[in-house]
Each structure stands twice: as C-alpha cells, then as structure tokens.
Amino acid sequence: MFDEKSALCVADAPTELAGVADQDPSKHVPEANLFANAEQALANASDAEVTVAPDAEGPLLKDAGEKQDEDGEEAEVGAEQGEEEEEEEEEEEEEAQEEEKEESIEDIYAALQEDEETRNYMPDFIKRMLDNPPLPAGMTIDFFRAIHTSVAESMLPHRPKSDLEFLAVFNATKAIARLMWLDELTNRVVHNNRREAVEALHHKLHAVVPSSKKEKDEYDRFVKEVAMDYFASPDHRQKFSSSLERGGFGADAVDTEAFQRSLPGLGKIETMRKAAIRERDQALKELERAYSSRDPEQRMPLSLAAMRNFFNEMREEKELERQERMLEESKKAAQDDDT
C-alpha cells in the first residue's frame, strides 16, 4: 500500500543520499543507485505495513464486536424500558379514567342533592328496614315497598324529609300490611273449619246415638270418611247438600257451620285488627302533624342518618360501575384470547 508514510520515506531517501554526496564528493552516489535505494526503501516500508497490519487488525475487530454487543444490549434494555413506560402510561390512563368516572358519579349525586325535587332525605336505618322488612305471611318485599311508597305519597305535595317523618311512614306501612294479612287470615280460618263443619252437620242430620264406645269410634271414623268424600268427589258433595236441604238445613249450611266454629279465633283476629288500626291512625296523625309545621317545598337539612345513606348509595353505585367495567374487560380479554 502506498500512503502518506511511504511517500515521506521516498521523499526523505533522496534527500539523505544527496546530503551525503554533497558532504563528500569522493563518495558521490550515482543517480541510478539513488533510485534503487529509494525503491528498496519503499519495499521495506510496504513490508513493514503488511507485517504490522494483521497484528493491529485483531484488536480493532475485537473492539468492533464488543461495541456491537453493547449496542444490542442497549437496544434490548431500551425496548424493555419502552414497554415498561407504555404499561405505566396505560395504568395511569386507566386510573385517570376511573377517577373521572368516580368524580362523575359524585357530581351526579351532588346535583341530585342540590335539586329539591330529587333530594334524598331517607335515613340509612329506614333503608335497612325496607331491605329486610317484617313481612306478614304470604307478602313479598316488593309489595311491602309499594305500600310504603303509597303511604309516603298519600299527602302530596308533602313528602317525608325528616327521620321522624320517615319513621311515621314506615310504622303506618307496617300497620297497613298487618291489617291486610289479618283480613286474609279471617277467610283462611273459616275455610279451615269447613271439614269439621261437614262432620258436625252429618251428626246433626242422622242423629245417631252409639250404644258403646266401640260403635262410637267406628261411627266417628265413618263420618270422617264422609267429610273426605265431600271435598274429594263433586257427586258426593251434591248428594250431601241435597240431604242437608231435606233435613232442614240451607244450601250454605257448611259455610255457616264453619263460621260458627271459627268465632273464637275470629274474635282474637278482630282484637289484633283493632290494634293495627290504632297503630296506623296514630302514625298517620304524627305524619300529618309534622307536615303541618312546614311548607311542602321547604328545604330541610340532611340528618346524619340521611348523609350516611347518601354516601352508602354512592359507594354502591361506584362498586356497581367497577364490577361492570371488570366484566367488560374480562369479556374483551376472552375475545382477544379467542382471536
């Protein structure tokens, strides 16, 4: 290879030789020898470069490979850091979205509380009692709540706004529900005595007097079978009713006899009905007295129980929103897995 170093060697060689010739004329070197010496110097320089190049090239290649490995490791680390940053950004965005949703829910509830028409005054203890009310037999929670709503709206434009007013509405609801149950119970008690009424009418109709205890037991068993046939067979029921008419009893003799046998129980039921009526009237009077002391549109302060109920409802709404969001995310993840 001919480079700048070789050129310097060639340039210096004639100069050195020329200097020697100038110093000693007797030792004058011919021009041909000068060129020969220059060529020899160039050859020596080239050999030196060829000899040195392989030794210098190894460390250079080694350094280049190490640098390439370092660049690859740096690229991998950069990619991992980029993925981590993207995940952190996604988490921050999700948290921001959740905070926005929570704030929107709070804003909605706050707006509802600011508007008097939608302001919720219900205390938390009334909410708990409505979730698990003292139901009479055969009554559903939805029906009980419907009665409660009807009582609360019975004196419009007034509506309950204080804890005492809500308690009066709930007490009136309980009394009305008990009254409705007692009314149904009266019919059930009479109906449950119809079989005994058939047995008693059969005894009156035939007027059989057994002569011994054994005959009495056999006759009682026979009468019970007759009563069972009365309710099981329409033909037997028609035949028994005809026998009663011929014996001087009316067509509704069975129901009349059942009612007479139910009188002791009906008396107790009537006592319970009177107590429920007094409880209902007392609650409605308290409610009317509370309404008369304020304007229907008057804004009342929220009680501590009402504020607890407000925050509980807001928490339930947030939890519902969170569950719906998790369900949507799980469905989306399942769809992505299927894909």
Protein backbone atom coordinates (compact mmCIF):
# COMPACT_ATOMS: atom_id res chain seq x y z
CA MET A 1 0.00 0.00 0.00
CA PHE A 2 1.19 3.45 -0.90
CA ASP A 3 0.17 6.07 1.58
CA GLU A 4 1.41 9.23 3.11
CA LYS A 5 4.02 7.46 5.26
CA SER A 6 5.53 5.73 2.25
CA ALA A 7 5.61 8.99 0.35
CA LEU A 8 7.51 10.60 3.22
CA CYS A 9 10.01 7.76 3.16
CA VAL A 10 10.54 8.21 -0.58
CA ALA A 11 10.88 11.95 -0.19
CA ASP A 12 13.40 11.63 2.62
CA ALA A 13 15.57 8.96 0.99
CA PRO A 14 16.99 11.05 -1.91
CA THR A 15 17.46 13.98 0.41
CA GLU A 16 19.58 11.97 2.80
CA LEU A 17 21.61 10.49 -0.02
CA ALA A 18 22.02 13.88 -1.61
CA GLY A 19 23.27 15.28 1.65
CA VAL A 20 25.93 12.59 1.88
CA ALA A 21 27.04 13.26 -1.68
CA ASP A 22 27.32 16.96 -1.03
CA GLN A 23 29.45 16.40 2.04
CA ASP A 24 31.96 14.10 0.33
CA PRO A 25 32.45 14.46 -3.41
CA SER A 26 34.59 11.32 -3.48
CA LYS A 27 31.63 9.34 -2.21
CA HIS A 28 29.24 10.55 -4.87
CA VAL A 29 26.43 8.06 -5.40
CA PRO A 30 25.21 7.57 -8.94
CA GLU A 31 21.66 8.63 -9.76
CA ALA A 32 20.67 5.06 -10.67
CA ASN A 33 21.79 3.90 -7.27
CA LEU A 34 19.76 6.63 -5.71
CA PHE A 35 16.60 5.41 -7.39
CA ALA A 36 17.43 1.82 -6.50
CA ASN A 37 17.86 2.80 -2.87
CA ALA A 38 14.54 4.67 -2.97
CA GLU A 39 12.76 1.62 -4.37
CA GLN A 40 14.33 -0.55 -1.70
CA ALA A 41 13.13 1.87 0.98
CA LEU A 42 9.62 1.77 -0.44
CA ALA A 43 9.67 -2.02 -0.45
CA ASN A 44 10.86 -2.11 3.16
CA ALA A 45 8.13 0.31 4.17
CA SER A 46 5.45 -1.78 2.46
CA ASP A 47 6.71 -4.95 4.14
CA ALA A 48 6.59 -3.21 7.48
CA GLU A 49 2.98 -2.15 6.87
CA VAL A 50 1.98 -5.65 5.77
CA THR A 51 3.64 -7.11 8.81
CA VAL A 52 2.04 -4.67 11.22
CA ALA A 53 -1.49 -4.64 9.71
CA PRO A 54 -2.59 -8.16 10.81
CA ASP A 55 -1.43 -7.52 14.36
CA ALA A 56 -3.31 -4.21 14.56
CA GLU A 57 -6.45 -5.51 12.83
CA GLY A 58 -7.26 -8.15 15.51
CA PRO A 59 -7.83 -5.72 18.39
CA LEU A 60 -9.83 -3.48 16.09
CA LEU A 61 -12.19 -6.33 15.10
CA LYS A 62 -12.47 -7.38 18.72
CA ASP A 63 -13.35 -3.83 19.76
CA ALA A 64 -15.93 -3.62 16.95
CA GLY A 65 -17.61 -6.90 18.08
CA GLU A 66 -17.73 -5.79 21.71
CA LYS A 67 -19.20 -2.49 20.64
CA GLN A 68 -21.86 -4.28 18.56
CA ASP A 69 -22.78 -6.49 21.54
CA GLU A 70 -23.03 -3.45 23.76
CA ASP A 71 -25.23 -1.73 21.19
CA GLY A 72 -27.50 -4.82 21.08
CA GLU A 73 -27.78 -4.95 24.87
CA GLU A 74 -28.53 -1.24 24.99
CA ALA A 75 -31.24 -1.72 22.35
CA GLU A 76 -32.83 -4.55 24.37
CA VAL A 77 -32.71 -2.51 27.57
CA GLY A 78 -34.23 0.43 25.72
CA ALA A 79 -37.03 -1.75 24.34
CA GLU A 80 -37.81 -3.13 27.82
CA GLN A 81 -37.81 0.35 29.28
CA GLY A 82 -40.10 1.47 26.47
CA GLU A 83 -42.55 -1.36 27.22
CA GLU A 84 -42.48 -0.56 30.93
CA GLU A 85 -43.12 3.10 30.19
CA GLU A 86 -46.04 2.17 27.92
CA GLU A 87 -47.53 -0.06 30.64
CA GLU A 88 -47.13 2.69 33.21
CA GLU A 89 -48.80 5.16 30.86
CA GLU A 90 -51.70 2.74 30.29
CA GLU A 91 -52.12 2.22 34.04
CA GLU A 92 -52.07 5.97 34.60
CA GLU A 93 -54.69 6.43 31.89
CA GLU A 94 -56.92 3.74 33.45
CA GLU A 95 -56.55 5.31 36.87
CA ALA A 96 -57.40 8.69 35.41
CA GLN A 97 -60.49 7.23 33.72
CA GLU A 98 -61.60 5.60 36.97
CA GLU A 99 -61.12 8.86 38.83
CA GLU A 100 -63.14 10.68 36.18
CA LYS A 101 -65.95 8.11 36.49
CA GLU A 102 -65.92 8.39 40.27
CA GLU A 103 -65.98 12.15 40.02
CA SER A 104 -68.84 11.97 37.53
CA ILE A 105 -70.82 9.74 39.92
CA GLU A 106 -70.16 12.13 42.78
CA ASP A 107 -71.18 15.05 40.59
CA ILE A 108 -74.41 13.30 39.63
CA TYR A 109 -75.31 12.58 43.25
CA ALA A 110 -74.31 16.06 44.31
CA ALA A 111 -76.52 17.51 41.58
CA LEU A 112 -79.40 15.32 42.71
CA GLN A 113 -78.96 16.51 46.26
CA GLU A 114 -78.86 20.13 45.15
CA ASP A 115 -82.21 19.84 43.37
CA GLU A 116 -85.01 19.83 45.93
CA GLU A 117 -87.26 17.61 43.81
CA THR A 118 -84.67 14.83 43.69
CA ARG A 119 -83.04 15.44 47.08
CA ASN A 120 -82.94 12.16 49.03
CA TYR A 121 -83.78 12.57 52.72
CA MET A 122 -84.18 8.87 53.54
CA PRO A 123 -82.12 7.80 56.60
CA ASP A 124 -80.00 4.66 56.47
CA PHE A 125 -81.96 2.80 59.18
CA ILE A 126 -85.17 3.12 57.14
CA LYS A 127 -83.27 1.88 54.08
CA ARG A 128 -82.11 -1.19 56.02
CA MET A 129 -85.64 -1.91 57.29
CA LEU A 130 -87.03 -1.64 53.76
CA ASP A 131 -84.37 -4.07 52.53
CA ASN A 132 -85.46 -6.61 55.18
CA PRO A 133 -88.97 -5.63 56.33
CA PRO A 134 -91.14 -7.52 58.86
CA LEU A 135 -93.33 -9.27 56.29
CA PRO A 136 -96.61 -10.96 57.19
CA ALA A 137 -97.10 -14.49 55.88
CA GLY A 138 -97.58 -14.55 52.13
CA MET A 139 -96.44 -10.96 51.46
CA THR A 140 -93.45 -10.12 49.26
CA ILE A 141 -90.83 -7.39 49.77
CA ASP A 142 -91.88 -5.64 46.57
CA PHE A 143 -95.49 -5.44 47.73
CA PHE A 144 -94.40 -4.06 51.12
CA ARG A 145 -92.28 -1.40 49.40
CA ALA A 146 -95.21 -0.50 47.17
CA ILE A 147 -97.34 0.11 50.27
CA HIS A 148 -94.55 2.25 51.74
CA THR A 149 -94.38 4.37 48.57
CA SER A 150 -98.15 4.77 48.57
CA VAL A 151 -98.17 5.98 52.18
CA ALA A 152 -95.26 8.38 51.53
CA GLU A 153 -97.17 9.91 48.61
CA SER A 154 -100.57 9.93 50.32
CA MET A 155 -100.30 13.60 51.37
CA LEU A 156 -98.83 15.27 48.30
CA PRO A 157 -97.33 17.82 47.76
CA HIS A 158 -95.82 16.88 51.12
CA ARG A 159 -93.25 14.15 51.32
CA PRO A 160 -91.17 12.86 54.27
CA LYS A 161 -87.95 14.83 54.85
CA SER A 162 -87.01 14.17 58.47
CA ASP A 163 -86.16 10.95 60.31
CA LEU A 164 -89.37 11.16 62.37
CA GLU A 165 -91.49 11.58 59.25
CA PHE A 166 -89.86 8.57 57.60
CA LEU A 167 -90.38 6.55 60.77
CA ALA A 168 -94.08 7.51 60.85
CA VAL A 169 -94.45 6.41 57.21
CA PHE A 170 -92.77 3.08 57.97
CA ASN A 171 -94.96 2.44 61.05
CA ALA A 172 -98.09 3.19 59.05
CA THR A 173 -96.87 0.80 56.34
CA LYS A 174 -96.35 -1.98 58.89
CA ALA A 175 -99.84 -1.46 60.33
CA ILE A 176 -101.47 -1.50 56.88
CA ALA A 177 -99.58 -4.65 55.88
CA ARG A 178 -100.70 -6.35 59.11
CA LEU A 179 -104.31 -5.32 58.51
CA MET A 180 -104.25 -6.79 55.01
CA TRP A 181 -102.82 -10.04 56.37
CA LEU A 182 -105.45 -10.24 59.14
CA ASP A 183 -108.23 -9.76 56.61
CA GLU A 184 -106.92 -12.66 54.55
CA LEU A 185 -106.44 -14.69 57.72
CA THR A 186 -110.14 -14.37 58.57
CA ASN A 187 -111.13 -16.14 55.37
CA ARG A 188 -108.48 -18.81 55.88
CA VAL A 189 -109.62 -19.58 59.41
CA VAL A 190 -113.22 -20.04 58.22
CA HIS A 191 -112.10 -22.19 55.31
CA ASN A 192 -110.01 -24.44 57.58
CA ASN A 193 -113.13 -25.21 59.69
CA ARG A 194 -115.24 -26.44 56.76
CA ARG A 195 -114.26 -30.09 57.19
CA GLU A 196 -115.24 -30.08 60.86
CA ALA A 197 -118.47 -28.34 59.79
CA VAL A 198 -119.33 -31.25 57.43
CA GLU A 199 -118.68 -33.78 60.20
CA ALA A 200 -120.87 -31.84 62.64
CA LEU A 201 -123.71 -31.49 60.11
CA HIS A 202 -123.58 -35.23 59.38
CA HIS A 203 -124.02 -35.92 63.10
CA LYS A 204 -126.95 -33.49 63.28
CA LEU A 205 -128.53 -34.87 60.13
CA HIS A 206 -128.61 -38.54 61.16
CA ALA A 207 -128.79 -38.17 64.93
CA VAL A 208 -127.08 -41.50 65.54
CA VAL A 209 -126.50 -42.41 69.19
CA PRO A 210 -123.89 -45.20 69.51
CA SER A 211 -124.55 -47.73 72.24
CA SER A 212 -120.90 -48.39 73.05
CA LYS A 213 -117.50 -46.80 72.81
CA LYS A 214 -116.56 -49.16 70.03
CA GLU A 215 -119.59 -48.18 67.96
CA LYS A 216 -118.85 -44.52 68.63
CA ASP A 217 -115.27 -44.86 67.37
CA GLU A 218 -116.45 -46.71 64.26
CA TYR A 219 -119.11 -44.10 63.59
CA ASP A 220 -116.62 -41.21 64.04
CA ARG A 221 -114.28 -42.87 61.55
CA PHE A 222 -117.18 -43.27 59.11
CA VAL A 223 -118.11 -39.58 59.48
CA LYS A 224 -114.53 -38.53 58.72
CA GLU A 225 -114.60 -40.61 55.54
CA VAL A 226 -117.86 -38.90 54.56
CA ALA A 227 -116.23 -35.46 55.07
CA MET A 228 -113.23 -36.50 52.95
CA ASP A 229 -115.56 -37.66 50.17
CA TYR A 230 -117.43 -34.35 50.37
CA PHE A 231 -114.29 -32.43 49.33
CA ALA A 232 -112.89 -35.11 47.03
CA SER A 233 -115.98 -36.04 44.97
CA PRO A 234 -118.32 -33.46 43.38
CA ASP A 235 -121.04 -36.09 43.11
CA HIS A 236 -120.82 -36.91 46.81
CA ARG A 237 -120.85 -33.19 47.64
CA GLN A 238 -124.04 -32.71 45.62
CA LYS A 239 -125.66 -35.70 47.30
CA PHE A 240 -124.72 -34.47 50.78
CA SER A 241 -126.05 -30.97 50.05
CA SER A 242 -129.38 -32.47 48.93
CA SER A 243 -129.56 -34.46 52.18
CA LEU A 244 -128.96 -31.27 54.17
CA GLU A 245 -131.80 -29.47 52.38
CA ARG A 246 -134.15 -32.36 53.04
CA GLY A 247 -133.08 -32.32 56.67
CA GLY A 248 -133.99 -28.65 57.08
CA PHE A 249 -130.56 -27.09 56.58
CA GLY A 250 -129.89 -24.44 53.95
CA ALA A 251 -127.64 -24.72 50.89
CA ASP A 252 -124.89 -22.73 52.65
CA ALA A 253 -125.11 -24.79 55.82
CA VAL A 254 -121.46 -25.91 55.61
CA ASP A 255 -120.08 -22.35 55.39
CA THR A 256 -122.37 -21.17 58.19
CA GLU A 257 -121.29 -24.02 60.44
CA ALA A 258 -117.63 -23.34 59.63
CA PHE A 259 -118.02 -19.65 60.52
CA GLN A 260 -119.65 -20.53 63.87
CA ARG A 261 -116.78 -22.87 64.69
CA SER A 262 -114.29 -20.11 63.79
CA LEU A 263 -115.76 -17.47 66.09
CA PRO A 264 -113.25 -17.93 68.98
CA GLY A 265 -110.33 -17.45 66.59
CA LEU A 266 -112.06 -14.65 64.72
CA GLY A 267 -112.51 -12.75 68.00
CA LYS A 268 -108.75 -12.80 68.58
CA ILE A 269 -108.16 -11.71 65.00
CA GLU A 270 -110.53 -8.81 65.44
CA THR A 271 -108.64 -7.70 68.55
CA MET A 272 -105.41 -7.72 66.53
CA ARG A 273 -107.10 -5.77 63.74
CA LYS A 274 -108.21 -3.05 66.13
CA ALA A 275 -104.66 -2.71 67.47
CA ALA A 276 -103.28 -2.44 63.91
CA ILE A 277 -105.85 0.20 63.05
CA ARG A 278 -104.88 2.27 66.10
CA GLU A 279 -101.22 1.96 65.16
CA ARG A 280 -101.94 3.03 61.58
CA ASP A 281 -104.06 6.02 62.60
CA GLN A 282 -101.50 7.14 65.18
CA ALA A 283 -98.67 7.05 62.63
CA LEU A 284 -100.70 8.97 60.05
CA LYS A 285 -101.64 11.61 62.65
CA GLU A 286 -97.97 12.10 63.55
CA LEU A 287 -97.12 12.42 59.90
CA GLU A 288 -99.88 14.95 59.28
CA ARG A 289 -98.80 16.97 62.31
CA ALA A 290 -95.22 17.08 61.07
CA TYR A 291 -96.33 18.17 57.60
CA SER A 292 -98.47 20.94 59.02
CA SER A 293 -95.44 22.53 60.70
CA ARG A 294 -93.56 23.30 57.47
CA ASP A 295 -94.03 24.25 53.85
CA PRO A 296 -94.11 21.39 51.31
CA GLU A 297 -91.22 22.93 49.32
CA GLN A 298 -89.14 23.84 52.36
CA ARG A 299 -85.54 22.65 52.07
CA MET A 300 -84.62 20.58 55.12
CA PRO A 301 -81.06 19.82 56.32
CA LEU A 302 -79.89 16.25 55.86
CA SER A 303 -79.71 14.28 59.08
CA LEU A 304 -76.64 12.21 59.92
CA ALA A 305 -78.56 9.05 59.03
CA ALA A 306 -79.57 10.56 55.68
CA MET A 307 -75.98 11.56 54.94
CA ARG A 308 -74.81 8.02 55.73
CA ASN A 309 -77.42 6.66 53.37
CA PHE A 310 -76.27 9.12 50.70
CA PHE A 311 -72.65 8.01 50.93
CA ASN A 312 -73.66 4.34 51.06
CA GLU A 313 -75.65 4.73 47.85
CA MET A 314 -72.72 6.50 46.21
CA ARG A 315 -70.37 3.67 47.25
CA GLU A 316 -72.79 1.06 45.93
CA GLU A 317 -73.01 2.92 42.63
CA LYS A 318 -69.22 3.05 42.36
CA GLU A 319 -68.94 -0.65 43.15
CA LEU A 320 -71.54 -1.44 40.52
CA GLU A 321 -69.64 0.65 37.97
CA ARG A 322 -66.40 -1.15 38.88
CA GLN A 323 -67.98 -4.60 38.51
CA GLU A 324 -69.46 -3.70 35.14
CA ARG A 325 -66.09 -2.38 33.97
CA MET A 326 -64.30 -5.55 35.13
CA LEU A 327 -66.89 -7.68 33.36
CA GLU A 328 -66.39 -5.77 30.12
CA GLU A 329 -62.60 -6.09 30.43
CA SER A 330 -62.84 -9.85 31.06
CA LYS A 331 -65.12 -10.27 28.04
CA LYS A 332 -62.72 -8.26 25.89
CA ALA A 333 -59.75 -10.31 27.12
CA ALA A 334 -61.62 -13.54 26.35
CA GLN A 335 -62.39 -12.31 22.85
CA ASP A 336 -58.74 -11.37 22.32
CA ASP A 337 -57.64 -14.83 23.50
CA ASP A 338 -60.07 -16.50 21.09
CA THR A 339 -58.76 -14.33 18.29
